[in-house]
Amino acid sequence: MKGIKDLFQVMRNRIQSRLLLIFLLTMAIVFVVNSYVYMNMDELMKQTNDIYSSNARLNELQTNLKMAQEDMTSYLNDKNTESLKNYYIHIGEYQKLMEELNKDIIGNDALIMEKNIYNMSLKYCDVSEQAIDYRRGYLVEKFKKNYEEATILFNDLNSAISALNGRMFTDNYGNSQLFMNMLYKERHLVLVIFGVTTLLSITLIMLFTMSITKPLTKLSETAQKVGDGQFDVELVEVTSDDEVGTVATAFNRMIVSIRDYIEQIKQNMEAKRILQENELKMETYLKDAQLKYLQAQISPHFLFNTLNAGAQLAMLEDADRTYTYIQKVAEFYRYNVKKDNGSVTLREEIELVDNYIYIINVRFSGEIHYRKEIDERLLGVYITAMTLQPFVENCINHGLRGIDWQGEIVLSVYKDGTDICVSISDNGVGMPAEKIEELLKGNKIDSTDPQNSNGIGINNVINRLALFYEKDNTVEIYSDGENMGTEFIIRIPGEQ
């Protein structure tokens, strides 16, 4: 009993369950009513069939009797084989039907008439078959006698069947009147049942609908006021534990929360606006600040001025080679002083690399072989300043220093799809995979070796390229293993 109560409580707390319950109740009522009507109509149909079934059976019996008599007469007159065949068909049907007649002695007059018809039918069948047998044997006198007797029996049977059929029709007509009265009453009863069922279903649906729509209407009215900015409305009364009650409870909590936060929102609105403006300004200047910060590491004005003075002194003393060397070094640092705006053409970057290679070969007596494979059509593209030289410096300091074979650096510029690629490769000692991974991740590689300095450093260049193009993975590093050299590829995205 407790379990049933708990089940109804759960169903009461869920709109879906309540809808299902109303649906099942309505369908149960409709099913019961339809079942009752169906069974009554089925019974009435059976009674209708039974009322006139006896008349239909007697009519069929009489018809087969007449057909058998006609076929026998035709055969006896003409000895027609087709007539004989039809006779046996109809007499066989007649014998089947006569077996359904009453054979017992009963006080009912109709049943007594059926028994008499049955007995006469037996005699008629015997006499008619004997007449046919005598006709086959050409016993003219005998088949005529039997034919006359069969004809008399036929007339008696036909009259008896007609009399019984008329009596049964009279009785059945009276029964049909009773049946029509029952059918009339049944029709009124069905209308009453359907009317009551309809009213009951409408009442259940209306009660259920009102239980949902009433709180929803109140909730809608309150929500409309809140939507118009009236937060001082009364909270919605929660009268049920179903989904509507859950929504109403959540709505009340929302109103309370709005009331609690609205004052705080007003106080913080101005502060947030100022903060957002500052954040936008910071985002606008962030990239430029980062670029200038990274490039600020390579602005040696003092050294440039000093070298320029040394070049003038060498020129006065006719030291041509010294003058050329100092001039190349001065041009190297002049590049940094002039290109503090952040971007230069690829041609200017390559000229800087040419000067750097010249300076290095003076220091190392021409040990480094330098080769270029350049598509001149691509040199007008813009790139962040001081990008190529750090990679060349890395190749010299970490790839070619200390090798016992001819060192070579190859600088290539080519097109790969929509990207312009700048490749700087050496044939030195190569780079371990772990170090390649660390460099590409932007992690700084620390070393106590003074010769490990990369000028402004590979990390610096990778970071500046990412900021300049607003894209990661602009640098690729490849090395096939120890003593297999290293290749740096800088991808300049798209057409500039």
Protein backbone atom coordinates (compact mmCIF):
# COMPACT_ATOMS: atom_id res chain seq x y z
CA MET A 1 0.00 0.00 0.00
CA LYS A 2 2.85 2.35 0.84
CA GLY A 3 4.50 1.61 -2.50
CA ILE A 4 1.33 2.61 -4.38
CA LYS A 5 1.14 5.87 -2.42
CA ASP A 6 4.79 6.62 -3.21
CA LEU A 7 4.14 5.93 -6.90
CA PHE A 8 1.21 8.35 -7.01
CA GLN A 9 3.30 10.94 -5.15
CA VAL A 10 6.07 10.69 -7.77
CA MET A 11 3.53 10.92 -10.58
CA ARG A 12 1.97 13.98 -8.94
CA ASN A 13 5.37 15.68 -8.92
CA ARG A 14 5.96 15.25 -12.66
CA ILE A 15 3.88 16.85 -15.42
CA GLN A 16 4.85 14.11 -17.84
CA SER A 17 3.69 11.45 -15.38
CA ARG A 18 0.44 13.29 -14.76
CA LEU A 19 -0.16 13.60 -18.49
CA LEU A 20 0.47 9.88 -18.85
CA LEU A 21 -1.93 9.14 -15.99
CA ILE A 22 -4.71 11.26 -17.53
CA PHE A 23 -4.11 9.64 -20.91
CA LEU A 24 -4.21 6.13 -19.44
CA LEU A 25 -7.41 6.86 -17.49
CA THR A 26 -9.12 8.29 -20.57
CA MET A 27 -7.97 5.39 -22.74
CA ALA A 28 -9.12 2.90 -20.10
CA ILE A 29 -12.60 4.45 -20.03
CA VAL A 30 -12.80 4.47 -23.82
CA PHE A 31 -11.56 0.88 -23.96
CA VAL A 32 -14.15 -0.33 -21.46
CA VAL A 33 -16.98 1.47 -23.25
CA ASN A 34 -15.89 0.24 -26.68
CA SER A 35 -15.50 -3.30 -25.40
CA TYR A 36 -18.99 -3.24 -23.93
CA VAL A 37 -20.50 -1.82 -27.13
CA TYR A 38 -18.59 -4.29 -29.29
CA MET A 39 -19.70 -7.32 -27.29
CA ASN A 40 -23.33 -6.17 -27.33
CA MET A 41 -23.27 -5.46 -31.07
CA ASP A 42 -21.62 -8.80 -31.73
CA GLU A 43 -24.30 -10.58 -29.75
CA LEU A 44 -27.03 -8.69 -31.56
CA MET A 45 -25.50 -9.59 -34.94
CA LYS A 46 -25.47 -13.25 -33.96
CA GLN A 47 -29.11 -13.05 -32.92
CA THR A 48 -29.99 -11.40 -36.24
CA ASN A 49 -28.32 -14.18 -38.17
CA ASP A 50 -30.05 -16.80 -36.04
CA ILE A 51 -33.52 -15.28 -36.54
CA TYR A 52 -33.76 -15.94 -40.26
CA SER A 53 -31.17 -18.71 -40.60
CA SER A 54 -33.92 -21.37 -40.38
CA ASN A 55 -35.83 -19.73 -43.26
CA ALA A 56 -32.66 -19.54 -45.34
CA ARG A 57 -31.97 -23.23 -44.67
CA LEU A 58 -35.51 -24.27 -45.68
CA ASN A 59 -35.33 -22.13 -48.85
CA GLU A 60 -32.10 -23.82 -49.86
CA LEU A 61 -33.60 -27.24 -49.09
CA GLN A 62 -36.66 -26.48 -51.23
CA THR A 63 -34.55 -25.18 -54.11
CA ASN A 64 -32.38 -28.31 -54.25
CA LEU A 65 -35.53 -30.47 -54.10
CA LYS A 66 -37.03 -28.70 -57.10
CA MET A 67 -33.80 -28.92 -59.08
CA ALA A 68 -33.45 -32.63 -58.33
CA GLN A 69 -37.09 -33.24 -59.44
CA GLU A 70 -36.53 -31.33 -62.69
CA ASP A 71 -33.25 -33.16 -63.45
CA MET A 72 -34.89 -36.56 -62.76
CA THR A 73 -37.85 -35.71 -65.03
CA SER A 74 -35.49 -34.60 -67.81
CA TYR A 75 -33.45 -37.78 -67.58
CA LEU A 76 -36.49 -40.08 -67.52
CA ASN A 77 -37.90 -38.35 -70.61
CA ASP A 78 -34.76 -37.97 -72.72
CA LYS A 79 -32.20 -40.14 -70.91
CA ASN A 80 -29.87 -37.10 -70.98
CA THR A 81 -26.51 -37.76 -69.31
CA GLU A 82 -26.09 -34.11 -68.26
CA SER A 83 -29.47 -34.20 -66.52
CA LEU A 84 -28.46 -37.34 -64.64
CA LYS A 85 -25.26 -35.71 -63.50
CA ASN A 86 -27.11 -32.62 -62.26
CA TYR A 87 -29.64 -34.82 -60.50
CA TYR A 88 -26.98 -36.50 -58.40
CA ILE A 89 -25.44 -33.09 -57.55
CA HIS A 90 -28.73 -31.60 -56.35
CA ILE A 91 -29.99 -34.73 -54.60
CA GLY A 92 -26.64 -34.89 -52.77
CA GLU A 93 -26.98 -31.28 -51.59
CA TYR A 94 -30.58 -32.00 -50.58
CA GLN A 95 -29.55 -35.03 -48.50
CA LYS A 96 -26.89 -32.94 -46.69
CA LEU A 97 -29.43 -30.26 -45.81
CA MET A 98 -32.12 -32.72 -44.71
CA GLU A 99 -29.70 -34.19 -42.19
CA GLU A 100 -29.93 -30.87 -40.30
CA LEU A 101 -33.67 -31.36 -39.78
CA ASN A 102 -35.09 -32.66 -36.52
CA LYS A 103 -35.30 -36.46 -36.30
CA ASP A 104 -36.60 -36.85 -32.75
CA ILE A 105 -40.18 -36.89 -31.49
CA ILE A 106 -40.70 -33.56 -29.69
CA GLY A 107 -43.93 -31.85 -28.66
CA ASN A 108 -43.09 -28.64 -30.60
CA ASP A 109 -45.25 -28.43 -33.78
CA ALA A 110 -42.47 -26.97 -35.92
CA LEU A 111 -40.06 -29.70 -34.90
CA ILE A 112 -42.70 -32.36 -35.61
CA MET A 113 -43.13 -30.88 -39.08
CA GLU A 114 -39.36 -31.06 -39.59
CA LYS A 115 -39.39 -34.75 -38.59
CA ASN A 116 -42.20 -35.47 -41.10
CA ILE A 117 -40.30 -33.65 -43.83
CA TYR A 118 -37.21 -35.69 -43.00
CA ASN A 119 -39.09 -39.01 -43.24
CA MET A 120 -40.75 -38.03 -46.53
CA SER A 121 -37.38 -36.92 -47.85
CA LEU A 122 -35.88 -40.35 -47.15
CA LYS A 123 -38.71 -42.03 -49.05
CA TYR A 124 -38.47 -39.53 -51.92
CA CYS A 125 -34.77 -40.16 -52.37
CA ASP A 126 -35.30 -43.94 -52.50
CA VAL A 127 -38.23 -43.76 -54.95
CA SER A 128 -36.49 -41.28 -57.28
CA GLU A 129 -33.30 -43.33 -57.39
CA GLN A 130 -35.28 -46.51 -58.13
CA ALA A 131 -37.06 -44.73 -61.00
CA ILE A 132 -33.66 -43.79 -62.48
CA ASP A 133 -32.37 -47.35 -62.05
CA TYR A 134 -35.49 -48.76 -63.81
CA ARG A 135 -35.01 -46.23 -66.64
CA ARG A 136 -31.46 -47.44 -67.14
CA GLY A 137 -32.76 -51.03 -67.37
CA TYR A 138 -35.47 -50.02 -69.80
CA LEU A 139 -38.16 -51.20 -67.37
CA VAL A 140 -40.72 -48.74 -68.63
CA GLU A 141 -43.69 -49.74 -66.50
CA LYS A 142 -41.71 -49.77 -63.28
CA PHE A 143 -39.87 -46.41 -63.78
CA LYS A 144 -43.19 -44.76 -64.71
CA LYS A 145 -44.79 -46.06 -61.54
CA ASN A 146 -41.85 -44.88 -59.40
CA TYR A 147 -41.79 -41.51 -61.19
CA GLU A 148 -45.48 -40.97 -60.39
CA GLU A 149 -44.89 -41.86 -56.76
CA ALA A 150 -41.81 -39.60 -56.61
CA THR A 151 -43.85 -36.76 -58.11
CA ILE A 152 -46.54 -37.17 -55.45
CA LEU A 153 -43.88 -37.17 -52.72
CA PHE A 154 -42.25 -34.11 -54.30
CA ASN A 155 -45.51 -32.19 -54.22
CA ASP A 156 -46.15 -33.20 -50.62
CA LEU A 157 -42.61 -32.28 -49.61
CA ASN A 158 -42.76 -28.96 -51.41
CA SER A 159 -46.02 -28.10 -49.67
CA ALA A 160 -44.73 -29.23 -46.28
CA ILE A 161 -41.51 -27.21 -46.64
CA SER A 162 -43.46 -24.13 -47.72
CA ALA A 163 -45.84 -24.49 -44.78
CA LEU A 164 -42.94 -24.90 -42.33
CA ASN A 165 -41.10 -21.99 -43.90
CA GLY A 166 -44.15 -19.75 -43.56
CA ARG A 167 -44.67 -20.73 -39.94
CA MET A 168 -41.02 -20.12 -39.08
CA PHE A 169 -41.09 -16.76 -40.89
CA THR A 170 -44.06 -15.70 -38.77
CA ASP A 171 -42.27 -16.75 -35.59
CA ASN A 172 -39.03 -15.11 -36.71
CA TYR A 173 -40.81 -11.89 -37.58
CA GLY A 174 -42.06 -11.64 -34.03
CA ASN A 175 -38.54 -12.30 -32.77
CA SER A 176 -37.18 -9.63 -35.11
CA GLN A 177 -39.56 -7.08 -33.61
CA LEU A 178 -38.26 -7.94 -30.17
CA PHE A 179 -34.71 -7.66 -31.51
CA MET A 180 -35.41 -4.22 -33.02
CA ASN A 181 -36.76 -3.04 -29.68
CA MET A 182 -33.59 -4.32 -27.99
CA LEU A 183 -31.43 -2.63 -30.63
CA TYR A 184 -33.28 0.67 -30.13
CA LYS A 185 -32.72 0.50 -26.37
CA GLU A 186 -29.09 -0.48 -26.92
CA ARG A 187 -28.53 2.54 -29.15
CA HIS A 188 -29.82 4.91 -26.47
CA LEU A 189 -27.67 3.19 -23.87
CA VAL A 190 -24.57 3.57 -26.04
CA LEU A 191 -25.30 7.28 -26.54
CA VAL A 192 -25.67 7.76 -22.79
CA ILE A 193 -22.42 5.91 -22.10
CA PHE A 194 -20.51 7.93 -24.69
CA GLY A 195 -21.94 11.16 -23.35
CA VAL A 196 -20.93 10.32 -19.78
CA THR A 197 -17.48 9.21 -20.96
CA THR A 198 -16.97 12.42 -22.92
CA LEU A 199 -18.01 14.61 -19.99
CA LEU A 200 -15.74 12.67 -17.63
CA SER A 201 -12.77 12.96 -20.01
CA ILE A 202 -13.33 16.69 -20.53
CA THR A 203 -13.59 17.25 -16.78
CA LEU A 204 -10.32 15.39 -16.11
CA ILE A 205 -8.50 17.27 -18.86
CA MET A 206 -9.80 20.65 -17.70
CA LEU A 207 -8.81 20.01 -14.09
CA PHE A 208 -5.34 18.93 -15.14
CA THR A 209 -4.94 21.85 -17.55
CA MET A 210 -5.96 24.36 -14.89
CA SER A 211 -3.47 22.85 -12.44
CA ILE A 212 -0.70 23.70 -14.95
CA THR A 213 -1.91 26.90 -16.61
CA LYS A 214 -2.86 28.78 -13.45
CA PRO A 215 0.66 28.90 -11.94
CA LEU A 216 2.13 29.38 -15.44
CA THR A 217 -0.13 32.40 -15.99
CA LYS A 218 1.02 33.93 -12.71
CA LEU A 219 4.63 33.16 -13.58
CA SER A 220 4.22 34.73 -17.04
CA GLU A 221 2.71 37.93 -15.61
CA THR A 222 5.52 38.29 -13.09
CA ALA A 223 8.16 37.55 -15.75
CA GLN A 224 6.66 40.26 -17.96
CA LYS A 225 7.02 42.81 -15.14
CA VAL A 226 10.61 41.74 -14.53
CA GLY A 227 11.29 42.03 -18.26
CA ASP A 228 10.02 45.61 -18.08
CA GLY A 229 12.55 46.36 -15.34
CA GLN A 230 10.28 46.01 -12.27
CA PHE A 231 12.41 44.02 -9.84
CA ASP A 232 10.26 44.87 -6.78
CA VAL A 233 7.50 42.44 -7.79
CA GLU A 234 6.07 39.85 -5.42
CA LEU A 235 7.63 36.44 -5.60
CA VAL A 236 5.62 33.73 -7.38
CA GLU A 237 3.73 31.41 -5.04
CA VAL A 238 4.92 27.81 -5.38
CA THR A 239 2.00 25.38 -5.00
CA SER A 240 3.37 22.16 -6.49
CA ASP A 241 6.53 20.06 -6.65
CA ASP A 242 6.38 19.42 -10.40
CA GLU A 243 8.36 21.08 -13.18
CA VAL A 244 6.25 24.25 -12.96
CA GLY A 245 7.03 24.48 -9.25
CA THR A 246 10.72 23.95 -10.00
CA VAL A 247 10.68 26.74 -12.59
CA ALA A 248 8.82 29.06 -10.22
CA THR A 249 11.35 28.40 -7.44
CA ALA A 250 14.26 29.07 -9.81
CA PHE A 251 12.54 32.24 -11.04
CA ASN A 252 12.14 33.50 -7.46
CA ARG A 253 15.83 32.82 -6.79
CA MET A 254 16.72 34.73 -9.96
CA ILE A 255 14.73 37.78 -8.81
CA VAL A 256 16.43 37.72 -5.41
CA SER A 257 19.84 37.41 -7.09
CA ILE A 258 19.09 40.32 -9.40
CA ARG A 259 18.08 42.46 -6.45
CA ASP A 260 21.30 41.53 -4.61
CA TYR A 261 23.58 42.24 -7.56
CA ILE A 262 21.96 45.24 -9.19
CA GLU A 263 23.48 47.74 -6.75
CA GLN A 264 26.90 46.16 -7.05
CA ILE A 265 26.63 46.29 -10.86
CA LYS A 266 25.89 50.01 -10.74
CA GLN A 267 28.91 50.65 -8.52
CA ASN A 268 31.30 48.62 -10.64
CA MET A 269 30.05 49.72 -14.07
CA GLU A 270 32.27 52.80 -14.32
CA ALA A 271 35.32 50.94 -13.02
CA LYS A 272 34.81 48.15 -15.54
CA ARG A 273 34.45 50.62 -18.40
CA ILE A 274 37.76 52.27 -17.53
CA LEU A 275 39.44 48.89 -17.13
CA GLN A 276 38.18 47.72 -20.54
CA GLU A 277 39.50 50.88 -22.21
CA ASN A 278 42.91 50.32 -20.62
CA GLU A 279 42.94 46.68 -21.69
CA LEU A 280 42.19 47.67 -25.30
CA LYS A 281 45.04 50.18 -25.25
CA MET A 282 47.39 47.60 -23.76
CA GLU A 283 46.47 45.05 -26.43
CA THR A 284 47.05 47.70 -29.14
CA TYR A 285 50.53 48.54 -27.91
CA LEU A 286 51.56 45.04 -26.78
CA LYS A 287 52.91 43.79 -30.11
CA ASP A 288 54.82 46.97 -30.84
CA ALA A 289 56.25 47.05 -27.32
CA GLN A 290 57.36 43.41 -27.55
CA LEU A 291 59.03 43.97 -30.93
CA LYS A 292 60.84 47.08 -29.77
CA TYR A 293 61.88 45.38 -26.56
CA LEU A 294 63.45 42.45 -28.39
CA GLN A 295 65.16 44.71 -30.94
CA ALA A 296 66.39 47.05 -28.22
CA GLN A 297 69.02 44.41 -27.45
CA ILE A 298 70.81 45.21 -30.74
CA SER A 299 71.22 49.01 -30.74
CA PRO A 300 75.01 49.59 -30.17
CA HIS A 301 75.25 53.29 -31.08
CA PHE A 302 78.50 53.83 -29.27
CA LEU A 303 80.26 50.94 -31.00
CA PHE A 304 79.05 52.15 -34.43
CA ASN A 305 80.42 55.66 -33.81
CA THR A 306 83.74 54.24 -32.61
CA LEU A 307 84.13 52.00 -35.68
CA ASN A 308 83.29 54.90 -37.97
CA ALA A 309 86.11 56.93 -36.44
CA GLY A 310 88.51 53.99 -36.84
CA ALA A 311 87.60 53.64 -40.52
CA GLN A 312 88.36 57.31 -41.14
CA LEU A 313 91.73 56.93 -39.38
CA ALA A 314 92.63 53.84 -41.51
CA MET A 315 91.74 55.75 -44.66
CA LEU A 316 94.06 58.64 -43.66
CA GLU A 317 96.91 56.14 -43.08
CA ASP A 318 96.28 54.37 -46.47
CA ALA A 319 95.47 51.02 -44.75
CA ASP A 320 93.03 49.86 -47.44
CA ARG A 321 92.33 46.35 -46.13
CA THR A 322 91.91 47.67 -42.61
CA TYR A 323 89.64 50.39 -43.93
CA THR A 324 87.47 47.85 -45.82
CA TYR A 325 87.22 45.61 -42.77
CA ILE A 326 86.29 48.44 -40.40
CA GLN A 327 83.87 49.79 -42.99
CA LYS A 328 82.09 46.39 -43.23
CA VAL A 329 81.84 46.22 -39.44
CA ALA A 330 80.52 49.79 -39.32
CA GLU A 331 77.93 48.97 -41.99
CA PHE A 332 76.88 45.95 -39.95
CA TYR A 333 76.12 48.11 -36.91
CA ARG A 334 74.77 51.00 -38.96
CA TYR A 335 72.10 48.55 -40.17
CA ASN A 336 70.93 48.08 -36.59
CA VAL A 337 70.84 51.79 -35.89
CA LYS A 338 68.87 52.65 -39.05
CA LYS A 339 66.43 49.71 -38.99
CA ASP A 340 64.86 50.34 -35.60
CA ASN A 341 61.40 50.58 -37.22
CA GLY A 342 61.07 46.74 -37.12
CA SER A 343 60.81 45.68 -40.77
CA VAL A 344 63.19 45.59 -43.73
CA THR A 345 63.26 43.96 -47.15
CA LEU A 346 64.69 40.51 -47.57
CA ARG A 347 67.36 42.02 -49.88
CA GLU A 348 68.64 44.24 -47.04
CA GLU A 349 68.77 41.28 -44.67
CA ILE A 350 70.86 39.29 -47.17
CA GLU A 351 73.24 42.24 -47.62
CA LEU A 352 73.71 42.24 -43.84
CA VAL A 353 74.54 38.53 -43.96
CA ASP A 354 77.08 39.21 -46.76
CA ASN A 355 78.82 41.81 -44.56
CA TYR A 356 78.75 39.48 -41.57
CA ILE A 357 80.31 36.61 -43.58
CA TYR A 358 83.04 38.98 -44.80
CA ILE A 359 83.85 40.05 -41.23
CA ILE A 360 83.92 36.44 -40.00
CA ASN A 361 86.17 35.28 -42.85
CA VAL A 362 88.65 38.05 -42.00
CA ARG A 363 88.71 36.70 -38.43
CA PHE A 364 89.03 33.06 -39.53
CA SER A 365 91.24 33.60 -42.62
CA GLY A 366 88.55 32.63 -45.13
CA GLU A 367 87.81 29.22 -43.62
CA ILE A 368 84.05 29.50 -44.24
CA HIS A 369 82.76 28.93 -47.73
CA TYR A 370 79.59 30.95 -48.41
CA ARG A 371 77.19 30.19 -51.28
CA LYS A 372 73.84 31.74 -52.28
CA GLU A 373 70.95 30.28 -54.32
CA ILE A 374 68.48 33.14 -54.57
CA ASP A 375 65.36 33.89 -56.64
CA GLU A 376 65.85 37.64 -57.13
CA ARG A 377 62.11 38.15 -57.72
CA LEU A 378 61.39 37.36 -54.08
CA LEU A 379 63.78 39.84 -52.42
CA GLY A 380 61.27 42.67 -52.15
CA VAL A 381 59.29 40.89 -49.43
CA TYR A 382 59.38 42.47 -45.96
CA ILE A 383 60.71 40.73 -42.88
CA THR A 384 61.53 41.77 -39.32
CA ALA A 385 65.06 43.22 -39.01
CA MET A 386 68.01 41.14 -37.75
CA THR A 387 66.37 37.79 -38.64
CA LEU A 388 68.88 35.98 -40.87
CA GLN A 389 72.21 36.98 -39.20
CA PRO A 390 71.49 35.13 -35.89
CA PHE A 391 70.93 31.88 -37.80
CA VAL A 392 74.18 32.35 -39.77
CA GLU A 393 76.01 33.12 -36.49
CA ASN A 394 74.55 29.94 -34.98
CA CYS A 395 75.79 27.89 -37.97
CA ILE A 396 79.32 29.29 -37.54
CA ASN A 397 79.60 29.05 -33.75
CA HIS A 398 77.80 25.74 -33.23
CA GLY A 399 77.97 23.99 -36.57
CA LEU A 400 81.34 24.80 -38.20
CA ARG A 401 83.63 25.74 -35.29
CA GLY A 402 86.20 23.03 -34.63
CA ILE A 403 85.43 20.78 -37.64
CA ASP A 404 88.33 19.28 -39.64
CA TRP A 405 86.69 19.70 -43.06
CA GLN A 406 85.85 22.68 -45.26
CA GLY A 407 82.93 24.53 -43.67
CA GLU A 408 80.16 25.78 -45.93
CA ILE A 409 77.07 27.89 -45.43
CA VAL A 410 74.33 27.95 -48.10
CA LEU A 411 71.65 30.66 -48.17
CA SER A 412 68.63 29.92 -50.42
CA VAL A 413 65.46 31.87 -51.21
CA TYR A 414 62.63 30.06 -53.01
CA LYS A 415 58.85 29.80 -53.28
CA ASP A 416 56.93 26.93 -51.64
CA GLY A 417 53.22 27.20 -52.41
CA THR A 418 52.10 30.59 -51.15
CA ASP A 419 55.03 30.82 -48.70
CA ILE A 420 58.44 32.41 -49.42
CA CYS A 421 61.12 30.27 -47.80
CA VAL A 422 64.59 31.37 -46.68
CA SER A 423 66.92 28.42 -46.00
CA ILE A 424 70.22 28.78 -44.09
CA SER A 425 72.17 25.52 -43.86
CA ASP A 426 75.63 24.35 -42.88
CA ASN A 427 77.61 21.13 -43.28
CA GLY A 428 78.77 21.09 -39.68
CA VAL A 429 78.31 18.89 -36.63
CA GLY A 430 74.49 18.93 -36.68
CA MET A 431 72.07 19.56 -33.84
CA PRO A 432 70.56 17.00 -31.41
CA ALA A 433 66.81 16.44 -31.67
CA GLU A 434 66.32 17.49 -28.03
CA LYS A 435 67.89 20.88 -28.64
CA ILE A 436 65.80 21.38 -31.82
CA GLU A 437 62.66 20.66 -29.82
CA GLU A 438 63.66 23.09 -27.07
CA LEU A 439 64.43 25.87 -29.56
CA LEU A 440 61.13 25.44 -31.41
CA LYS A 441 59.24 25.52 -28.11
CA GLY A 442 60.84 28.90 -27.40
CA ASN A 443 62.84 27.62 -24.42
CA LYS A 444 66.18 29.38 -23.91
CA ILE A 445 69.22 27.09 -24.09
CA ASP A 446 71.58 28.10 -21.29
CA SER A 447 75.34 27.50 -21.56
CA THR A 448 78.40 28.57 -19.67
CA ASP A 449 80.51 28.39 -22.87
CA PRO A 450 81.37 31.95 -23.90
CA GLN A 451 81.35 30.82 -27.50
CA ASN A 452 77.76 29.70 -27.15
CA SER A 453 76.48 33.25 -27.67
CA ASN A 454 74.17 33.58 -30.63
CA GLY A 455 74.20 37.37 -30.88
CA ILE A 456 70.59 38.26 -30.18
CA GLY A 457 69.83 34.50 -30.16
CA ILE A 458 67.63 32.04 -32.00
CA ASN A 459 64.91 32.32 -29.34
CA ASN A 460 64.80 36.06 -29.84
CA VAL A 461 64.31 35.68 -33.60
CA ILE A 462 61.61 32.99 -33.26
CA ASN A 463 59.67 35.17 -30.81
CA ARG A 464 59.94 38.25 -33.03
CA LEU A 465 58.81 36.34 -36.12
CA ALA A 466 55.77 34.97 -34.24
CA LEU A 467 54.83 38.49 -33.16
CA PHE A 468 55.55 40.06 -36.56
CA TYR A 469 53.45 37.58 -38.58
CA GLU A 470 50.98 36.74 -35.78
CA LYS A 471 51.57 33.09 -36.50
CA ASP A 472 53.47 30.24 -34.84
CA ASN A 473 55.66 27.69 -36.62
CA THR A 474 57.35 30.24 -38.91
CA VAL A 475 60.75 28.57 -38.26
CA GLU A 476 61.66 24.95 -39.04
CA ILE A 477 64.93 23.25 -37.98
CA TYR A 478 66.24 20.05 -39.54
CA SER A 479 69.31 17.93 -38.79
CA ASP A 480 69.87 14.37 -40.00
CA GLY A 481 72.26 13.49 -37.18
CA GLU A 482 75.83 13.95 -35.97
CA ASN A 483 78.14 15.58 -38.55
CA MET A 484 75.21 15.83 -40.99
CA GLY A 485 74.79 19.61 -40.74
CA THR A 486 71.78 21.75 -39.75
CA GLU A 487 69.19 23.62 -41.82
CA PHE A 488 67.05 26.53 -40.65
CA ILE A 489 63.99 27.38 -42.80
CA ILE A 490 62.10 30.65 -42.27
CA ARG A 491 58.61 30.65 -43.80
CA ILE A 492 57.26 34.07 -44.78
CA PRO A 493 53.50 33.48 -45.07
CA GLY A 494 51.56 34.59 -48.15
CA GLU A 495 52.28 37.37 -50.61
CA GLN A 496 53.62 40.54 -49.02
